[in-house]
Amino acid sequence: MLYFLGIVSIAIIEFFLVKDSRLIFSRWPWLFMSLTGIFLIILGSVPEWSMVPIFSSVVGMLFFINLVFFIVMSVYIIEVWLFKDSTIKDVDYIVVLGTRIMSSRIPPNLKSRLDKAIETYRRLKCRPKILVSGGYSSASPESEASMMQEYLIKNGIDPSYILTEDRSLNTMQNLEFSSVEIRADWKNNYFPHVLIVTSEYHVPRVNRYSKDLNLRPHFVSAKTLQLFKYPAMFREFTAIVWYHRYTLVTTFVMMFVILVSTLVS
């Protein structure tokens, strides 16, 4: 009975931790990480004093799953924290990645990216082309790319230096279709230097996708208002987990098989 109550208690704590994870992380990310760490310590210590194999196995499985997600989140936070802008003097293209637009106005996160692109463009001695990447969303009849293009022109960027890519619906497509546009526009016989401008919380995932596509761009990050940063970071974490879902599921299944085989042996 004691072990049954222990499993129920752990399940309740796990339920509320998962249920309110987005809310807690969006407001107090370090509190969320601390609570998760304490929960892991509790789970890790349970099998040491439990003499019921099935109870220890269930708790051990929960510990392993939570540990994997904790490590993924920790690595992501460290990557955001340690990222530094690329220090390059000349580039051929500045690529500005779009974000979902829910109205006829450019949202703060995207405005920050565009302002950073304009600042970088004016600071460089060369005159690179600016490629704005973003397709159509259900909330706006105008593509992200066209809205970004209008913003750049209003802020003094020569229209002849702006390229648009309006087919992409997610980050991977941003990179794929932007690469196609650059190859179509590039006329020289050497590989162009590309600088990607996106939000700081977005850089780790974009960098990972770039490597998977065999791209080697440089990065400059746009700062995000604190109000939007942590909710966006949590969405990035879920996107990273979803991208690696097959690897994670395979790992969890293998762990489950090992635990079951331990019980029946």
Protein backbone atom coordinates (compact mmCIF):
# COMPACT_ATOMS: atom_id res chain seq x y z
CA MET A 1 0.00 0.00 0.00
CA LEU A 2 2.86 2.34 0.84
CA TYR A 3 4.47 1.79 -2.55
CA PHE A 4 1.14 2.34 -4.33
CA LEU A 5 0.71 5.67 -2.55
CA GLY A 6 4.30 6.52 -3.48
CA ILE A 7 3.61 5.92 -7.18
CA VAL A 8 0.38 7.97 -7.00
CA SER A 9 2.20 10.84 -5.27
CA ILE A 10 4.98 10.84 -7.84
CA ALA A 11 2.42 10.69 -10.68
CA ILE A 12 0.53 13.68 -9.27
CA ILE A 13 3.73 15.73 -8.95
CA GLU A 14 4.74 14.72 -12.48
CA PHE A 15 1.30 15.66 -13.83
CA PHE A 16 1.32 19.15 -12.37
CA LEU A 17 4.96 19.72 -13.34
CA VAL A 18 4.18 18.85 -16.97
CA LYS A 19 0.79 20.58 -17.00
CA ASP A 20 2.16 23.90 -15.74
CA SER A 21 5.62 23.65 -17.27
CA ARG A 22 4.97 26.27 -19.97
CA LEU A 23 3.42 28.70 -17.48
CA ILE A 24 6.19 28.33 -14.90
CA PHE A 25 9.06 28.45 -17.41
CA SER A 26 7.58 31.45 -19.23
CA ARG A 27 7.61 33.47 -16.01
CA TRP A 28 10.35 31.96 -13.86
CA PRO A 29 12.64 29.73 -15.97
CA TRP A 30 15.21 29.22 -13.22
CA LEU A 31 12.48 28.25 -10.76
CA PHE A 32 11.22 25.67 -13.23
CA MET A 33 14.70 24.23 -13.75
CA SER A 34 15.25 24.14 -9.97
CA LEU A 35 11.96 22.34 -9.33
CA THR A 36 12.74 19.85 -12.08
CA GLY A 37 16.21 19.25 -10.63
CA ILE A 38 14.80 18.66 -7.14
CA PHE A 39 12.20 16.27 -8.57
CA LEU A 40 14.97 14.37 -10.36
CA ILE A 41 16.95 14.05 -7.12
CA ILE A 42 13.87 12.66 -5.38
CA LEU A 43 13.21 10.18 -8.19
CA GLY A 44 16.85 9.15 -8.28
CA SER A 45 16.95 8.38 -4.58
CA VAL A 46 13.72 6.31 -4.47
CA PRO A 47 15.09 3.07 -5.99
CA GLU A 48 17.82 3.00 -3.35
CA TRP A 49 15.40 2.39 -0.49
CA SER A 50 12.68 0.52 -2.39
CA MET A 51 12.72 -3.26 -2.22
CA VAL A 52 9.79 -3.77 -4.67
CA PRO A 53 11.24 -4.35 -8.16
CA ILE A 54 8.22 -3.12 -10.14
CA PHE A 55 8.05 0.08 -8.07
CA SER A 56 11.75 0.73 -8.56
CA SER A 57 11.40 0.07 -12.31
CA VAL A 58 8.48 2.49 -12.75
CA VAL A 59 10.29 5.20 -10.80
CA GLY A 60 13.49 4.47 -12.68
CA MET A 61 11.71 4.87 -16.01
CA LEU A 62 10.21 8.19 -14.92
CA PHE A 63 13.62 9.32 -13.72
CA PHE A 64 15.23 8.46 -17.05
CA ILE A 65 12.55 10.26 -19.13
CA ASN A 66 12.69 13.37 -16.95
CA LEU A 67 16.49 13.34 -17.00
CA VAL A 68 16.59 13.27 -20.81
CA PHE A 69 14.22 16.25 -21.11
CA PHE A 70 16.11 18.09 -18.36
CA ILE A 71 19.40 17.62 -20.21
CA VAL A 72 17.90 18.77 -23.54
CA MET A 73 16.47 21.88 -21.89
CA SER A 74 19.71 22.62 -20.01
CA VAL A 75 21.84 22.28 -23.15
CA TYR A 76 19.48 24.58 -25.04
CA ILE A 77 19.55 27.26 -22.30
CA ILE A 78 23.36 27.10 -22.17
CA GLU A 79 23.57 27.47 -25.96
CA VAL A 80 21.38 30.58 -25.85
CA TRP A 81 23.36 32.00 -22.94
CA LEU A 82 26.81 31.39 -24.48
CA PHE A 83 26.00 32.47 -28.05
CA LYS A 84 28.03 35.37 -29.42
CA ASP A 85 27.44 37.16 -32.71
CA SER A 86 29.72 36.27 -35.60
CA THR A 87 32.47 38.82 -36.13
CA ILE A 88 32.74 39.17 -39.90
CA LYS A 89 33.46 42.22 -42.02
CA ASP A 90 31.99 41.20 -45.37
CA VAL A 91 29.00 39.10 -46.39
CA ASP A 92 27.15 38.61 -49.65
CA TYR A 93 23.69 37.96 -48.23
CA ILE A 94 21.86 38.81 -45.02
CA VAL A 95 18.99 36.39 -44.45
CA VAL A 96 16.23 37.51 -42.08
CA LEU A 97 14.06 34.64 -40.84
CA GLY A 98 10.38 35.34 -40.40
CA THR A 99 8.08 34.43 -37.55
CA ARG A 100 4.36 33.80 -37.40
CA ILE A 101 2.34 36.98 -37.99
CA MET A 102 -1.12 37.00 -36.44
CA SER A 103 -2.29 40.42 -37.66
CA SER A 104 -1.56 43.10 -40.24
CA ARG A 105 1.24 44.50 -38.06
CA ILE A 106 4.78 43.20 -37.68
CA PRO A 107 5.16 41.63 -34.21
CA PRO A 108 7.90 42.81 -31.79
CA ASN A 109 10.11 39.74 -32.31
CA LEU A 110 10.16 40.18 -36.08
CA LYS A 111 10.65 43.93 -35.80
CA SER A 112 13.70 43.26 -33.64
CA ARG A 113 15.14 40.97 -36.31
CA LEU A 114 14.53 43.50 -39.07
CA ASP A 115 16.05 46.34 -37.04
CA LYS A 116 19.11 44.18 -36.38
CA ALA A 117 19.40 43.39 -40.10
CA ILE A 118 19.21 47.11 -40.97
CA GLU A 119 21.82 47.94 -38.31
CA THR A 120 24.13 45.20 -39.62
CA TYR A 121 23.59 46.22 -43.25
CA ARG A 122 24.56 49.82 -42.53
CA ARG A 123 27.57 48.81 -40.45
CA LEU A 124 29.11 46.63 -43.17
CA LYS A 125 31.43 48.25 -45.71
CA CYS A 126 30.09 46.04 -48.47
CA ARG A 127 26.50 46.21 -49.68
CA PRO A 128 25.05 42.70 -49.30
CA LYS A 129 21.59 41.77 -50.47
CA ILE A 130 18.97 41.22 -47.79
CA LEU A 131 16.79 38.14 -48.24
CA VAL A 132 13.60 38.11 -46.16
CA SER A 133 12.12 34.66 -45.65
CA GLY A 134 8.55 33.86 -44.60
CA GLY A 135 5.39 32.52 -46.22
CA TYR A 136 1.68 33.04 -45.70
CA SER A 137 -0.14 32.47 -42.42
CA SER A 138 -3.86 31.93 -41.95
CA ALA A 139 -4.16 35.21 -40.03
CA SER A 140 -2.78 37.50 -42.75
CA PRO A 141 -3.46 37.69 -46.50
CA GLU A 142 0.03 39.13 -46.99
CA SER A 143 3.16 37.00 -46.73
CA GLU A 144 5.71 37.54 -44.00
CA ALA A 145 8.32 38.23 -46.67
CA SER A 146 6.32 41.02 -48.33
CA MET A 147 5.59 42.67 -44.97
CA MET A 148 9.28 42.50 -44.08
CA GLN A 149 10.20 43.93 -47.46
CA GLU A 150 7.86 46.88 -46.93
CA TYR A 151 9.37 47.52 -43.49
CA LEU A 152 12.92 47.53 -44.89
CA ILE A 153 11.98 49.92 -47.71
CA LYS A 154 10.29 52.29 -45.25
CA ASN A 155 13.50 52.31 -43.24
CA GLY A 156 15.67 53.33 -46.15
CA ILE A 157 16.85 50.06 -47.70
CA ASP A 158 17.14 50.18 -51.50
CA PRO A 159 14.48 47.80 -52.97
CA SER A 160 17.02 46.52 -55.51
CA TYR A 161 19.00 45.03 -52.62
CA ILE A 162 16.04 43.09 -51.21
CA LEU A 163 15.14 39.51 -52.15
CA THR A 164 11.98 37.75 -50.96
CA GLU A 165 11.20 34.12 -50.24
CA ASP A 166 7.49 33.62 -49.51
CA ARG A 167 6.94 29.84 -49.67
CA SER A 168 8.30 28.71 -46.30
CA LEU A 169 6.03 27.79 -43.41
CA ASN A 170 8.62 26.76 -40.80
CA THR A 171 12.28 27.19 -39.88
CA MET A 172 13.55 24.25 -41.93
CA GLN A 173 11.78 25.55 -45.02
CA ASN A 174 13.13 29.05 -44.29
CA LEU A 175 16.62 27.65 -44.68
CA GLU A 176 15.88 25.33 -47.61
CA PHE A 177 14.02 27.87 -49.76
CA SER A 178 16.40 30.72 -48.87
CA SER A 179 19.27 28.54 -50.02
CA VAL A 180 17.48 27.99 -53.34
CA GLU A 181 16.88 31.74 -53.77
CA ILE A 182 20.52 32.55 -53.05
CA ARG A 183 21.78 29.96 -55.52
CA ALA A 184 19.46 31.35 -58.20
CA ASP A 185 20.65 34.92 -57.58
CA TRP A 186 24.36 34.25 -57.09
CA LYS A 187 26.44 34.71 -60.25
CA ASN A 188 30.00 34.11 -59.06
CA ASN A 189 31.90 30.83 -59.10
CA TYR A 190 32.67 30.74 -55.38
CA PHE A 191 30.34 30.04 -52.47
CA PRO A 192 28.68 33.19 -51.05
CA HIS A 193 29.08 34.31 -47.46
CA VAL A 194 25.70 34.25 -45.73
CA LEU A 195 24.72 35.93 -42.47
CA ILE A 196 21.49 34.84 -40.79
CA VAL A 197 19.64 37.27 -38.54
CA THR A 198 17.17 35.79 -36.08
CA SER A 199 16.23 36.02 -32.41
CA GLU A 200 18.76 34.82 -29.83
CA TYR A 201 16.43 32.07 -28.60
CA HIS A 202 16.09 30.82 -32.19
CA VAL A 203 19.79 30.58 -33.04
CA PRO A 204 20.54 27.10 -31.54
CA ARG A 205 17.80 25.39 -33.57
CA VAL A 206 18.62 27.29 -36.76
CA ASN A 207 22.28 26.38 -36.34
CA ARG A 208 21.36 22.71 -35.86
CA TYR A 209 19.13 22.70 -38.94
CA SER A 210 21.82 24.46 -40.97
CA LYS A 211 24.31 21.71 -40.18
CA ASP A 212 21.77 19.04 -41.15
CA LEU A 213 21.33 20.82 -44.51
CA ASN A 214 25.12 21.10 -44.90
CA LEU A 215 24.98 24.90 -44.67
CA ARG A 216 27.64 26.97 -42.92
CA PRO A 217 26.17 30.43 -42.31
CA HIS A 218 27.23 33.06 -39.80
CA PHE A 219 24.77 34.36 -37.23
CA VAL A 220 23.77 37.64 -35.66
CA SER A 221 21.09 37.58 -32.98
CA ALA A 222 18.33 40.10 -32.36
CA LYS A 223 17.48 40.75 -28.73
CA THR A 224 13.99 39.85 -27.56
CA LEU A 225 11.93 41.69 -24.96
CA GLN A 226 11.88 39.80 -21.66
CA LEU A 227 8.09 39.53 -21.86
CA PHE A 228 8.33 37.44 -25.04
CA LYS A 229 11.70 35.74 -24.60
CA TYR A 230 10.95 32.95 -22.11
CA PRO A 231 7.64 31.84 -23.69
CA ALA A 232 9.48 31.74 -27.02
CA MET A 233 12.30 29.72 -25.47
CA PHE A 234 9.82 27.14 -24.23
CA ARG A 235 8.33 26.85 -27.73
CA GLU A 236 11.84 26.39 -29.08
CA PHE A 237 12.45 23.59 -26.57
CA THR A 238 9.29 21.77 -27.70
CA ALA A 239 10.33 22.25 -31.35
CA ILE A 240 13.75 20.73 -30.63
CA VAL A 241 12.11 17.77 -28.87
CA TRP A 242 9.73 17.30 -31.81
CA TYR A 243 12.61 17.43 -34.29
CA HIS A 244 14.39 14.62 -32.40
CA ARG A 245 11.18 12.72 -31.57
CA TYR A 246 12.18 9.49 -33.30
CA THR A 247 15.51 9.34 -31.49
CA LEU A 248 13.85 10.07 -28.16
CA VAL A 249 11.06 7.53 -28.65
CA THR A 250 13.58 4.88 -29.67
CA THR A 251 15.67 5.62 -26.59
CA PHE A 252 12.66 5.43 -24.27
CA VAL A 253 11.46 2.15 -25.82
CA MET A 254 14.91 0.60 -25.42
CA MET A 255 14.97 1.70 -21.79
CA PHE A 256 11.52 0.23 -21.23
CA VAL A 257 12.59 -3.09 -22.76
CA ILE A 258 15.65 -3.18 -20.51
CA LEU A 259 13.53 -2.54 -17.42
CA VAL A 260 10.97 -5.21 -18.38
CA SER A 261 13.70 -7.75 -19.08
CA THR A 262 15.21 -6.96 -15.67
CA LEU A 263 11.85 -7.64 -13.98
CA VAL A 264 11.21 -10.99 -15.69
CA SER A 265 14.76 -12.27 -15.27
